C-alpha atoms as a PDB file:
ATOM      1  CA  MET A   1      10.426 -20.616  -4.793  1.00  0.00           C
ATOM      2  CA  LEU A   2       9.577 -17.372  -5.509  1.00  0.00           C
ATOM      3  CA  GLU A   3      11.564 -14.268  -5.691  1.00  0.00           C
ATOM      4  CA  VAL A   4      10.625 -10.556  -6.652  1.00  0.00           C
ATOM      5  CA  VAL A   5      13.392  -8.599  -7.446  1.00  0.00           C
ATOM      6  CA  GLU A   6      13.412  -4.376  -7.592  1.00  0.00           C
ATOM      7  CA  LEU A   7       9.918  -4.620  -8.774  1.00  0.00           C
ATOM      8  CA  LYS A   8       8.159  -1.593  -9.626  1.00  0.00           C
ATOM      9  CA  LYS A   9       5.070  -0.589 -11.908  1.00  0.00           C
ATOM     10  CA  GLN A  10       4.673   2.986 -12.353  1.00  0.00           C
ATOM     11  CA  TYR A  11       1.225   4.531 -13.642  1.00  0.00           C
ATOM     12  CA  LYS A  12       2.188   8.300 -14.656  1.00  0.00           C
ATOM     13  CA  ASN A  13       4.003  10.031 -12.381  1.00  0.00           C
ATOM     14  CA  LYS A  14       2.974   7.892  -9.325  1.00  0.00           C
ATOM     15  CA  TYR A  15       4.421   4.553  -8.557  1.00  0.00           C
ATOM     16  CA  ALA A  16       1.713   1.762  -7.193  1.00  0.00           C
ATOM     17  CA  VAL A  17       4.956  -0.476  -6.906  1.00  0.00           C
ATOM     18  CA  ASN A  18       8.202   1.261  -5.927  1.00  0.00           C
ATOM     19  CA  ASN A  19      11.247  -1.055  -5.806  1.00  0.00           C
ATOM     20  CA  VAL A  20      10.054  -4.270  -3.448  1.00  0.00           C
ATOM     21  CA  ASN A  21      12.120  -7.278  -2.620  1.00  0.00           C
ATOM     22  CA  LEU A  22       9.980 -10.068  -1.336  1.00  0.00           C
ATOM     23  CA  TYR A  23      10.708 -13.718  -1.367  1.00  0.00           C
ATOM     24  CA  LEU A  24       8.695 -17.542  -0.233  1.00  0.00           C
ATOM     25  CA  GLU A  25      10.447 -20.486   0.353  1.00  0.00           C
ATOM     26  CA  LYS A  26       9.054 -23.295  -0.626  1.00  0.00           C
ATOM     27  CA  GLY A  27       6.286 -24.744   2.103  1.00  0.00           C
ATOM     28  CA  GLU A  28       5.784 -21.174   3.835  1.00  0.00           C
ATOM     29  CA  THR A  29       2.838 -19.343   4.480  1.00  0.00           C
ATOM     30  CA  VAL A  30       3.914 -15.437   3.999  1.00  0.00           C
ATOM     31  CA  GLY A  31       1.554 -12.512   4.911  1.00  0.00           C
ATOM     32  CA  LEU A  32       0.801  -9.351   3.063  1.00  0.00           C
ATOM     33  CA  LEU A  33      -0.262  -6.368   4.600  1.00  0.00           C
ATOM     34  CA  GLY A  34      -1.475  -2.934   4.051  1.00  0.00           C
ATOM     35  CA  PRO A  35      -3.970  -0.662   4.213  1.00  0.00           C
ATOM     36  CA  ASN A  36      -6.255  -0.076   1.001  1.00  0.00           C
ATOM     37  CA  GLY A  37      -4.366   1.755  -1.612  1.00  0.00           C
ATOM     38  CA  ALA A  38      -1.232   0.504  -0.318  1.00  0.00           C
ATOM     39  CA  GLY A  39      -0.064  -1.699  -3.718  1.00  0.00           C
ATOM     40  CA  LYS A  40      -0.330  -5.200  -3.029  1.00  0.00           C
ATOM     41  CA  SER A  41      -2.774  -5.765  -5.847  1.00  0.00           C
ATOM     42  CA  THR A  42      -0.593  -3.976  -7.800  1.00  0.00           C
ATOM     43  CA  MET A  43       2.132  -6.443  -6.935  1.00  0.00           C
ATOM     44  CA  ILE A  44      -0.126  -9.760  -6.951  1.00  0.00           C
ATOM     45  CA  SER A  45      -0.881  -9.179 -10.479  1.00  0.00           C
ATOM     46  CA  MET A  46       2.568  -8.178 -10.982  1.00  0.00           C
ATOM     47  CA  ILE A  47       3.807 -11.857  -9.621  1.00  0.00           C
ATOM     48  CA  SER A  48       0.611 -13.995 -11.342  1.00  0.00           C
ATOM     49  CA  SER A  49       1.817 -12.182 -14.688  1.00  0.00           C
ATOM     50  CA  LEU A  50      -0.852 -10.245 -15.378  1.00  0.00           C
ATOM     51  CA  ILE A  51       0.422  -7.280 -15.814  1.00  0.00           C
ATOM     52  CA  SER A  52       4.259  -6.530 -16.695  1.00  0.00           C
ATOM     53  CA  PRO A  53       6.114  -4.489 -14.182  1.00  0.00           C
ATOM     54  CA  THR A  54       7.521  -0.992 -15.481  1.00  0.00           C
ATOM     55  CA  SER A  55      11.136  -2.781 -14.284  1.00  0.00           C
ATOM     56  CA  GLY A  56      12.315  -5.334 -11.801  1.00  0.00           C
ATOM     57  CA  ASP A  57      12.224  -8.964 -12.233  1.00  0.00           C
ATOM     58  CA  VAL A  58       9.955 -12.231 -10.838  1.00  0.00           C
ATOM     59  CA  ARG A  59      11.481 -15.360 -10.617  1.00  0.00           C
ATOM     60  CA  VAL A  60      10.202 -18.924 -10.076  1.00  0.00           C
ATOM     61  CA  TYR A  61      12.659 -21.092  -8.934  1.00  0.00           C
ATOM     62  CA  ASN A  62      15.459 -18.783  -9.832  1.00  0.00           C
ATOM     63  CA  GLU A  63      14.083 -18.096 -13.317  1.00  0.00           C
ATOM     64  CA  SER A  64      12.615 -15.386 -14.650  1.00  0.00           C
ATOM     65  CA  ILE A  65       8.650 -15.801 -15.530  1.00  0.00           C
ATOM     66  CA  LEU A  66       8.013 -12.062 -17.287  1.00  0.00           C
ATOM     67  CA  LYS A  67       8.930 -13.150 -20.762  1.00  0.00           C
ATOM     68  CA  ALA A  68       7.949 -16.946 -20.184  1.00  0.00           C
ATOM     69  CA  PRO A  69       4.951 -17.191 -17.782  1.00  0.00           C
ATOM     70  CA  LYS A  70       3.728 -20.520 -18.524  1.00  0.00           C
ATOM     71  CA  LYS A  71       5.970 -22.267 -16.075  1.00  0.00           C
ATOM     72  CA  LEU A  72       4.538 -19.670 -13.347  1.00  0.00           C
ATOM     73  CA  ARG A  73       1.399 -20.681 -14.615  1.00  0.00           C
ATOM     74  CA  GLU A  74       1.580 -24.432 -14.334  1.00  0.00           C
ATOM     75  CA  ILE A  75       1.911 -24.448 -10.670  1.00  0.00           C
ATOM     76  CA  LEU A  76       0.241 -21.576  -9.612  1.00  0.00           C
ATOM     77  CA  GLY A  77      -3.325 -21.211  -7.959  1.00  0.00           C
ATOM     78  CA  VAL A  78      -4.911 -17.517  -7.726  1.00  0.00           C
ATOM     79  CA  VAL A  79      -8.063 -16.929  -5.096  1.00  0.00           C
ATOM     80  CA  PRO A  80      -8.939 -13.267  -6.293  1.00  0.00           C
ATOM     81  CA  GLN A  81     -10.516 -10.630  -3.962  1.00  0.00           C
ATOM     82  CA  GLU A  82     -14.144 -10.595  -5.873  1.00  0.00           C
ATOM     83  CA  ILE A  83     -15.563 -13.582  -6.502  1.00  0.00           C
ATOM     84  CA  ALA A  84     -14.817 -15.195 -10.153  1.00  0.00           C
ATOM     85  CA  LEU A  85     -17.361 -17.664 -10.472  1.00  0.00           C
ATOM     86  CA  TYR A  86     -20.485 -18.634 -13.024  1.00  0.00           C
ATOM     87  CA  MET A  87     -23.421 -17.981 -10.908  1.00  0.00           C
ATOM     88  CA  GLU A  88     -25.949 -19.649 -13.521  1.00  0.00           C
ATOM     89  CA  LEU A  89     -23.656 -22.964 -13.283  1.00  0.00           C
ATOM     90  CA  THR A  90     -23.540 -25.540 -10.491  1.00  0.00           C
ATOM     91  CA  ALA A  91     -20.824 -25.524  -7.920  1.00  0.00           C
ATOM     92  CA  ARG A  92     -19.341 -28.729 -10.076  1.00  0.00           C
ATOM     93  CA  GLU A  93     -20.051 -27.221 -13.772  1.00  0.00           C
ATOM     94  CA  ASN A  94     -17.828 -24.254 -12.834  1.00  0.00           C
ATOM     95  CA  LEU A  95     -15.318 -26.312 -11.289  1.00  0.00           C
ATOM     96  CA  GLU A  96     -15.704 -28.585 -14.899  1.00  0.00           C
ATOM     97  CA  PHE A  97     -15.235 -25.376 -16.689  1.00  0.00           C
ATOM     98  CA  PHE A  98     -12.181 -24.287 -15.145  1.00  0.00           C
ATOM     99  CA  GLY A  99     -10.458 -27.817 -15.177  1.00  0.00           C
ATOM    100  CA  ARG A 100     -10.782 -27.372 -18.711  1.00  0.00           C
ATOM    101  CA  ILE A 101      -9.095 -24.596 -19.021  1.00  0.00           C
ATOM    102  CA  HIS A 102      -6.502 -25.949 -17.423  1.00  0.00           C
ATOM    103  CA  ARG A 103      -6.117 -28.803 -19.852  1.00  0.00           C
ATOM    104  CA  ILE A 104      -6.449 -31.435 -17.388  1.00  0.00           C
ATOM    105  CA  PRO A 105      -7.047 -34.917 -18.664  1.00  0.00           C
ATOM    106  CA  LYS A 106     -11.038 -35.667 -18.694  1.00  0.00           C
ATOM    107  CA  VAL A 107     -10.115 -38.813 -16.297  1.00  0.00           C
ATOM    108  CA  ASP A 108      -8.341 -36.937 -13.605  1.00  0.00           C
ATOM    109  CA  LEU A 109     -10.499 -34.207 -13.630  1.00  0.00           C
ATOM    110  CA  LYS A 110     -13.453 -35.924 -12.507  1.00  0.00           C
ATOM    111  CA  LYS A 111     -11.083 -37.222  -9.542  1.00  0.00           C
ATOM    112  CA  ARG A 112      -9.704 -33.857  -8.791  1.00  0.00           C
ATOM    113  CA  ILE A 113     -13.110 -32.418  -8.382  1.00  0.00           C
ATOM    114  CA  GLU A 114     -14.149 -35.198  -6.140  1.00  0.00           C
ATOM    115  CA  GLU A 115     -10.876 -34.488  -4.176  1.00  0.00           C
ATOM    116  CA  VAL A 116     -11.785 -30.380  -4.320  1.00  0.00           C
ATOM    117  CA  LEU A 117     -15.350 -30.875  -3.414  1.00  0.00           C
ATOM    118  CA  GLU A 118     -14.448 -32.992  -0.447  1.00  0.00           C
ATOM    119  CA  ILE A 119     -11.717 -30.167   0.969  1.00  0.00           C
ATOM    120  CA  ILE A 120     -13.704 -27.195   0.656  1.00  0.00           C
ATOM    121  CA  GLY A 121     -16.739 -28.916   1.942  1.00  0.00           C
ATOM    122  CA  LEU A 122     -19.496 -28.503  -0.816  1.00  0.00           C
ATOM    123  CA  LYS A 123     -19.847 -32.435  -1.678  1.00  0.00           C
ATOM    124  CA  ASP A 124     -23.503 -32.150  -0.604  1.00  0.00           C
ATOM    125  CA  ARG A 125     -23.936 -28.737  -2.505  1.00  0.00           C
ATOM    126  CA  GLU A 126     -22.540 -29.898  -6.069  1.00  0.00           C
ATOM    127  CA  LYS A 127     -25.782 -29.623  -8.087  1.00  0.00           C
ATOM    128  CA  ASP A 128     -27.049 -26.149  -6.603  1.00  0.00           C
ATOM    129  CA  LEU A 129     -26.420 -23.221  -8.793  1.00  0.00           C
ATOM    130  CA  VAL A 130     -24.007 -20.990  -7.191  1.00  0.00           C
ATOM    131  CA  LYS A 131     -26.652 -18.022  -7.348  1.00  0.00           C
ATOM    132  CA  THR A 132     -28.151 -19.903  -4.483  1.00  0.00           C
ATOM    133  CA  PHE A 133     -25.071 -20.219  -2.145  1.00  0.00           C
ATOM    134  CA  SER A 134     -24.246 -18.297   0.504  1.00  0.00           C
ATOM    135  CA  GLY A 135     -21.155 -15.621   0.542  1.00  0.00           C
ATOM    136  CA  GLY A 136     -19.214 -18.079   2.598  1.00  0.00           C
ATOM    137  CA  MET A 137     -20.333 -21.223   0.111  1.00  0.00           C
ATOM    138  CA  LYS A 138     -18.965 -18.744  -3.118  1.00  0.00           C
ATOM    139  CA  ARG A 139     -15.719 -18.167  -1.474  1.00  0.00           C
ATOM    140  CA  ARG A 140     -14.863 -22.095  -0.909  1.00  0.00           C
ATOM    141  CA  LEU A 141     -15.655 -22.675  -4.016  1.00  0.00           C
ATOM    142  CA  ASN A 142     -13.363 -19.458  -5.628  1.00  0.00           C
ATOM    143  CA  ILE A 143     -10.900 -21.822  -3.549  1.00  0.00           C
ATOM    144  CA  GLY A 144     -11.775 -24.789  -4.918  1.00  0.00           C
ATOM    145  CA  VAL A 145     -11.151 -23.442  -8.630  1.00  0.00           C
ATOM    146  CA  ALA A 146      -7.503 -22.612  -7.560  1.00  0.00           C
ATOM    147  CA  LEU A 147      -6.790 -25.844  -6.042  1.00  0.00           C
ATOM    148  CA  LEU A 148      -8.024 -27.826  -9.145  1.00  0.00           C
ATOM    149  CA  HIS A 149      -4.663 -28.117 -10.768  1.00  0.00           C
ATOM    150  CA  GLU A 150      -2.700 -29.030  -7.749  1.00  0.00           C
ATOM    151  CA  PRO A 151      -0.657 -26.405  -7.773  1.00  0.00           C
ATOM    152  CA  GLU A 152       2.678 -25.458  -5.423  1.00  0.00           C
ATOM    153  CA  LEU A 153       1.780 -22.180  -4.966  1.00  0.00           C
ATOM    154  CA  ILE A 154      -1.115 -20.036  -4.368  1.00  0.00           C
ATOM    155  CA  ILE A 155      -1.811 -16.287  -3.848  1.00  0.00           C
ATOM    156  CA  MET A 156      -5.289 -15.755  -1.540  1.00  0.00           C
ATOM    157  CA  ASP A 157      -6.211 -12.369  -1.716  1.00  0.00           C
ATOM    158  CA  GLU A 158      -8.491 -11.095   1.115  1.00  0.00           C
ATOM    159  CA  PRO A 159     -10.438 -14.684   1.010  1.00  0.00           C
ATOM    160  CA  THR A 160     -12.342 -14.186   3.700  1.00  0.00           C
ATOM    161  CA  VAL A 161     -14.094 -10.849   3.240  1.00  0.00           C
ATOM    162  CA  GLY A 162     -17.542 -10.505   4.178  1.00  0.00           C
ATOM    163  CA  ILE A 163     -18.406 -14.034   5.272  1.00  0.00           C
ATOM    164  CA  ASP A 164     -19.905 -15.546   8.359  1.00  0.00           C
ATOM    165  CA  PRO A 165     -17.616 -16.792  11.207  1.00  0.00           C
ATOM    166  CA  GLN A 166     -18.368 -20.217  10.593  1.00  0.00           C
ATOM    167  CA  SER A 167     -16.985 -20.343   6.805  1.00  0.00           C
ATOM    168  CA  ARG A 168     -14.373 -17.987   7.242  1.00  0.00           C
ATOM    169  CA  ASN A 169     -12.656 -20.502   9.835  1.00  0.00           C
ATOM    170  CA  TYR A 170     -13.043 -23.463   7.864  1.00  0.00           C
ATOM    171  CA  ILE A 171     -11.162 -21.220   4.705  1.00  0.00           C
ATOM    172  CA  LEU A 172      -8.667 -20.624   7.753  1.00  0.00           C
ATOM    173  CA  GLU A 173      -8.225 -24.668   8.647  1.00  0.00           C
ATOM    174  CA  THR A 174      -8.095 -25.506   4.848  1.00  0.00           C
ATOM    175  CA  VAL A 175      -5.505 -23.334   3.823  1.00  0.00           C
ATOM    176  CA  LYS A 176      -3.397 -24.326   7.341  1.00  0.00           C
ATOM    177  CA  ARG A 177      -3.943 -27.933   5.973  1.00  0.00           C
ATOM    178  CA  LEU A 178      -3.193 -27.509   2.376  1.00  0.00           C
ATOM    179  CA  ASN A 179       0.297 -26.006   3.819  1.00  0.00           C
ATOM    180  CA  SER A 180       1.007 -28.972   6.803  1.00  0.00           C
ATOM    181  CA  GLU A 181      -0.217 -31.512   4.364  1.00  0.00           C
ATOM    182  CA  LYS A 182       0.663 -30.822   0.993  1.00  0.00           C
ATOM    183  CA  ASN A 183       3.780 -28.264   1.602  1.00  0.00           C
ATOM    184  CA  MET A 184       1.697 -25.881  -0.531  1.00  0.00           C
ATOM    185  CA  THR A 185       3.299 -22.578  -0.610  1.00  0.00           C
ATOM    186  CA  VAL A 186       0.772 -19.513   0.210  1.00  0.00           C
ATOM    187  CA  LEU A 187       1.231 -15.640   0.177  1.00  0.00           C
ATOM    188  CA  TYR A 188      -1.565 -14.325   1.984  1.00  0.00           C
ATOM    189  CA  THR A 189      -3.408 -11.083   2.355  1.00  0.00           C
ATOM    190  CA  SER A 190      -6.045 -10.153   4.962  1.00  0.00           C
ATOM    191  CA  HIS A 191      -7.607  -7.161   6.145  1.00  0.00           C
ATOM    192  CA  TYR A 192      -7.657  -9.319   9.364  1.00  0.00           C
ATOM    193  CA  MET A 193      -4.842  -9.297  11.142  1.00  0.00           C
ATOM    194  CA  GLU A 194      -5.819 -12.014  13.451  1.00  0.00           C
ATOM    195  CA  GLU A 195      -5.620 -14.282  10.503  1.00  0.00           C
ATOM    196  CA  VAL A 196      -2.231 -13.452   9.532  1.00  0.00           C
ATOM    197  CA  GLU A 197      -1.323 -14.115  13.256  1.00  0.00           C
ATOM    198  CA  TYR A 198      -2.608 -17.514  12.844  1.00  0.00           C
ATOM    199  CA  LEU A 199      -1.826 -18.567   9.405  1.00  0.00           C
ATOM    200  CA  CYS A 200       1.835 -16.889   8.295  1.00  0.00           C
ATOM    201  CA  ASP A 201       5.334 -17.922   9.218  1.00  0.00           C
ATOM    202  CA  ARG A 202       6.801 -14.705   7.959  1.00  0.00           C
ATOM    203  CA  ILE A 203       5.136 -11.078   7.165  1.00  0.00           C
ATOM    204  CA  TYR A 204       5.579  -8.615   5.119  1.00  0.00           C
ATOM    205  CA  ILE A 205       3.864  -4.525   5.510  1.00  0.00           C
ATOM    206  CA  MET A 206       3.704  -2.448   2.626  1.00  0.00           C
ATOM    207  CA  ASP A 207       2.708   0.936   2.550  1.00  0.00           C
ATOM    208  CA  HIS A 208       2.741   3.499  -0.278  1.00  0.00           C
ATOM    209  CA  GLY A 209       3.920   1.270  -2.592  1.00  0.00           C
ATOM    210  CA  GLU A 210       7.025   0.065  -0.641  1.00  0.00           C
ATOM    211  CA  ILE A 211       7.719  -2.566   2.106  1.00  0.00           C
ATOM    212  CA  ILE A 212       7.941  -1.334   5.324  1.00  0.00           C
ATOM    213  CA  ALA A 213       8.987  -4.025   7.143  1.00  0.00           C
ATOM    214  CA  ALA A 214       9.384  -7.955   7.192  1.00  0.00           C
ATOM    215  CA  GLY A 215       9.970 -10.749   9.387  1.00  0.00           C
ATOM    216  CA  SER A 216       8.664 -13.679  11.670  1.00  0.00           C
ATOM    217  CA  LYS A 217       5.787 -12.250  13.522  1.00  0.00           C
ATOM    218  CA  GLU A 218       8.132 -11.691  16.625  1.00  0.00           C
ATOM    219  CA  GLU A 219      10.926  -9.715  15.019  1.00  0.00           C
ATOM    220  CA  ILE A 220       7.980  -7.234  13.819  1.00  0.00           C
ATOM    221  CA  LYS A 221       6.579  -7.019  16.995  1.00  0.00           C
ATOM    222  CA  CYS A 222       9.888  -6.191  18.358  1.00  0.00           C
ATOM    223  CA  ILE A 223       9.355  -3.164  16.345  1.00  0.00           C
ATOM    224  CA  LEU A 224       7.705  -1.600  19.423  1.00  0.00           C
ATOM    225  CA  SER A 225       9.841  -3.842  22.123  1.00  0.00           C
ATOM    226  CA  ALA A 226      10.206  -0.308  23.570  1.00  0.00           C
ATOM    227  CA  GLU A 227       6.795   0.579  23.796  1.00  0.00           C
ATOM    228  CA  GLN A 228       3.592  -0.227  25.541  1.00  0.00           C
ATOM    229  CA  THR A 229      -0.028  -0.395  24.594  1.00  0.00           C
ATOM    230  CA  ILE A 230      -2.738   0.911  27.311  1.00  0.00           C
ATOM    231  CA  LEU A 231      -6.197  -0.658  26.578  1.00  0.00           C
ATOM    232  CA  ILE A 232      -8.560   1.680  27.999  1.00  0.00           C
ATOM    233  CA  LYS A 233     -12.245   0.976  27.758  1.00  0.00           C
ATOM    234  CA  VAL A 234     -14.863   4.197  28.624  1.00  0.00           C
ATOM    235  CA  ASP A 235     -18.624   4.298  28.736  1.00  0.00           C
ATOM    236  CA  LEU A 236     -18.693   6.901  26.036  1.00  0.00           C
ATOM    237  CA  VAL A 237     -16.092   8.521  23.802  1.00  0.00           C
ATOM    238  CA  LYS A 238     -16.502  11.502  24.085  1.00  0.00           C
ATOM    239  CA  GLY A 239     -14.271  13.653  21.431  1.00  0.00           C
ATOM    240  CA  GLU A 240     -12.714  16.498  23.652  1.00  0.00           C
ATOM    241  CA  PHE A 241     -11.029  13.207  25.693  1.00  0.00           C
ATOM    242  CA  ILE A 242      -9.673  12.108  22.551  1.00  0.00           C
ATOM    243  CA  GLN A 243      -8.346  15.441  20.926  1.00  0.00           C
ATOM    244  CA  GLN A 244      -6.595  15.726  24.775  1.00  0.00           C
ATOM    245  CA  LEU A 245      -4.618  12.550  24.140  1.00  0.00           C
ATOM    246  CA  GLU A 246      -3.831  13.461  20.489  1.00  0.00           C
ATOM    247  CA  ASN A 247      -2.526  16.774  22.085  1.00  0.00           C
ATOM    248  CA  ASN A 248      -0.183  14.723  24.703  1.00  0.00           C
ATOM    249  CA  PRO A 249       3.426  14.441  23.367  1.00  0.00           C
ATOM    250  CA  SER A 250       3.910  11.217  24.964  1.00  0.00           C
ATOM    251  CA  ILE A 251       1.245   9.431  23.465  1.00  0.00           C
ATOM    252  CA  LYS A 252       2.454   7.837  19.814  1.00  0.00           C
ATOM    253  CA  ASN A 253      -0.397   6.393  18.326  1.00  0.00           C
ATOM    254  CA  ILE A 254      -4.358   6.381  19.172  1.00  0.00           C
ATOM    255  CA  SER A 255      -6.733   3.388  17.988  1.00  0.00           C
ATOM    256  CA  ILE A 256     -10.384   3.479  18.609  1.00  0.00           C
ATOM    257  CA  GLN A 257     -13.108   0.796  18.545  1.00  0.00           C
ATOM    258  CA  GLU A 258     -15.612   1.973  20.490  1.00  0.00           C
ATOM    259  CA  PRO A 259     -15.693   1.422  23.928  1.00  0.00           C
ATOM    260  CA  ASN A 260     -11.921   0.765  23.514  1.00  0.00           C
ATOM    261  CA  ILE A 261      -9.269   3.227  23.008  1.00  0.00           C
ATOM    262  CA  SER A 262      -5.820   1.984  22.748  1.00  0.00           C
ATOM    263  CA  ILE A 263      -2.574   3.781  23.191  1.00  0.00           C
ATOM    264  CA  ILE A 264       1.091   3.060  22.505  1.00  0.00           C
ATOM    265  CA  VAL A 265       3.891   5.064  24.515  1.00  0.00           C
ATOM    266  CA  PRO A 266       7.152   4.367  25.399  1.00  0.00           C
ATOM    267  CA  LYS A 267       7.664   2.314  28.084  1.00  0.00           C
ATOM    268  CA  GLN A 268       9.422   4.216  30.466  1.00  0.00           C
ATOM    269  CA  VAL A 269       6.473   6.773  30.415  1.00  0.00           C
ATOM    270  CA  ASN A 270       3.684   6.460  33.535  1.00  0.00           C
ATOM    271  CA  ILE A 271       0.747   7.971  31.057  1.00  0.00           C
ATOM    272  CA  LEU A 272      -2.588   6.525  33.690  1.00  0.00           C
ATOM    273  CA  LYS A 273      -1.992   9.738  35.642  1.00  0.00           C
ATOM    274  CA  ASP A 274      -2.262  11.887  32.652  1.00  0.00           C
ATOM    275  CA  VAL A 275      -4.880   9.512  31.379  1.00  0.00           C
ATOM    276  CA  PHE A 276      -7.383   9.858  34.271  1.00  0.00           C
ATOM    277  CA  LYS A 277      -6.954  13.038  34.832  1.00  0.00           C
ATOM    278  CA  ILE A 278      -7.683  14.093  31.383  1.00  0.00           C
ATOM    279  CA  ALA A 279     -10.824  11.735  31.879  1.00  0.00           C
ATOM    280  CA  GLU A 280     -11.721  13.953  34.860  1.00  0.00           C
ATOM    281  CA  GLU A 281     -11.480  16.834  33.220  1.00  0.00           C
ATOM    282  CA  THR A 282     -13.784  15.857  30.330  1.00  0.00           C
ATOM    283  CA  GLY A 283     -16.293  13.850  32.384  1.00  0.00           C
ATOM    284  CA  THR A 284     -15.120  10.496  30.683  1.00  0.00           C
ATOM    285  CA  VAL A 285     -16.298   7.832  32.522  1.00  0.00           C
ATOM    286  CA  ILE A 286     -13.071   4.905  32.426  1.00  0.00           C
ATOM    287  CA  THR A 287     -14.194   1.551  33.256  1.00  0.00           C
ATOM    288  CA  SER A 288     -10.699  -0.304  32.861  1.00  0.00           C
ATOM    289  CA  ALA A 289      -7.458   0.316  32.237  1.00  0.00           C
ATOM    290  CA  ASN A 290      -5.055  -2.586  31.239  1.00  0.00           C
ATOM    291  CA  VAL A 291      -1.159  -2.599  30.418  1.00  0.00           C
ATOM    292  CA  GLU A 292      -0.059  -4.957  27.234  1.00  0.00           C
ATOM    293  CA  THR A 293       2.184  -6.021  25.059  1.00  0.00           C
ATOM    294  CA  PRO A 294       2.600  -4.325  21.767  1.00  0.00           C
ATOM    295  CA  SER A 295       0.476  -6.547  18.862  1.00  0.00           C
ATOM    296  CA  LEU A 296       1.059  -7.121  15.476  1.00  0.00           C
ATOM    297  CA  GLU A 297      -2.139  -4.140  15.039  1.00  0.00           C
ATOM    298  CA  ASP A 298       0.155  -1.890  17.095  1.00  0.00           C
ATOM    299  CA  VAL A 299       3.015  -1.939  15.142  1.00  0.00           C
ATOM    300  CA  PHE A 300       0.945  -2.021  11.775  1.00  0.00           C
ATOM    301  CA  LEU A 301      -0.752   1.016  13.319  1.00  0.00           C
ATOM    302  CA  HIS A 302       2.867   2.732  14.550  1.00  0.00           C
ATOM    303  CA  LEU A 303       4.205   1.879  11.169  1.00  0.00           C
ATOM    304  CA  THR A 304       1.370   3.277   8.717  1.00  0.00           C
ATOM    305  CA  GLY A 305      -0.151   5.445  10.766  1.00  0.00           C
ATOM    306  CA  ARG A 306      -3.776   4.228   9.834  1.00  0.00           C
ATOM    307  CA  GLN A 307      -6.149   1.436  10.872  1.00  0.00           C
ATOM    308  CA  LEU A 308      -6.189  -2.061   8.958  1.00  0.00           C
ATOM    309  CA  ARG A 309      -9.606  -1.459   8.134  1.00  0.00           C
ATOM    310  CA  ASP A 310      -9.562   2.338   7.252  1.00  0.00           C
END
């Protein structure tokens, strides 16, 4: 359905996106992961025809949309990272305004607004000003705007940032439902690895403007098939303890989310003896240590050298 071919975007002497290739099949939900500054937003802007690439092509149903983006815009919905709503208008007024921009006939627009309000769970708040909404409600209305013209393809750029768990879960279930019931194709970016694991059929990992890994969740996890993750819980994370772990040549990566410390080592290495010795030398109390199969986040850290939420 959508194909990105050798896409590049250069600003002065730096490539924000460098020779990227990716595709989306009809009805797929595909995740795009990468740390801040990886080039995700620039690539989404090019796919959405908001900015022109330096070189390369974006094709929809095997037709280039760079010179004639109208066909793409008719079938594309975009949920931007920033809230794009009018705060002094009600929820219904926002939907009416954006529906007119899409030139949806008046009779059809009224029906579509009713359907969208049901999908996003805001029917009972349709007459309230958006400025009175919670962050989660604004995010849901943001999604509603993108759904008005019944797009075949929707790009969702971190749609759950800064909202409560209930709203976040509602949005995830909405994405699932749109994909399964309407066969909607979704390109989903997030800083929450568990969201991508839950939603996506395939994943692209991007860093420094390039795709550094691609495949199904299982295929990407196999990148660390020769590794194991040790999850260590301590009563207090001490700098000296971490420093000595970092100096151990067998430890490939360390991730810290106090009081948990996650380390990745080759499967054949028995690292626990060294870990407990370092803990004793540094006065660190280990409350638990578990060996786990590497997760998607472990692979991300291994590939980028950075935690996802950097």
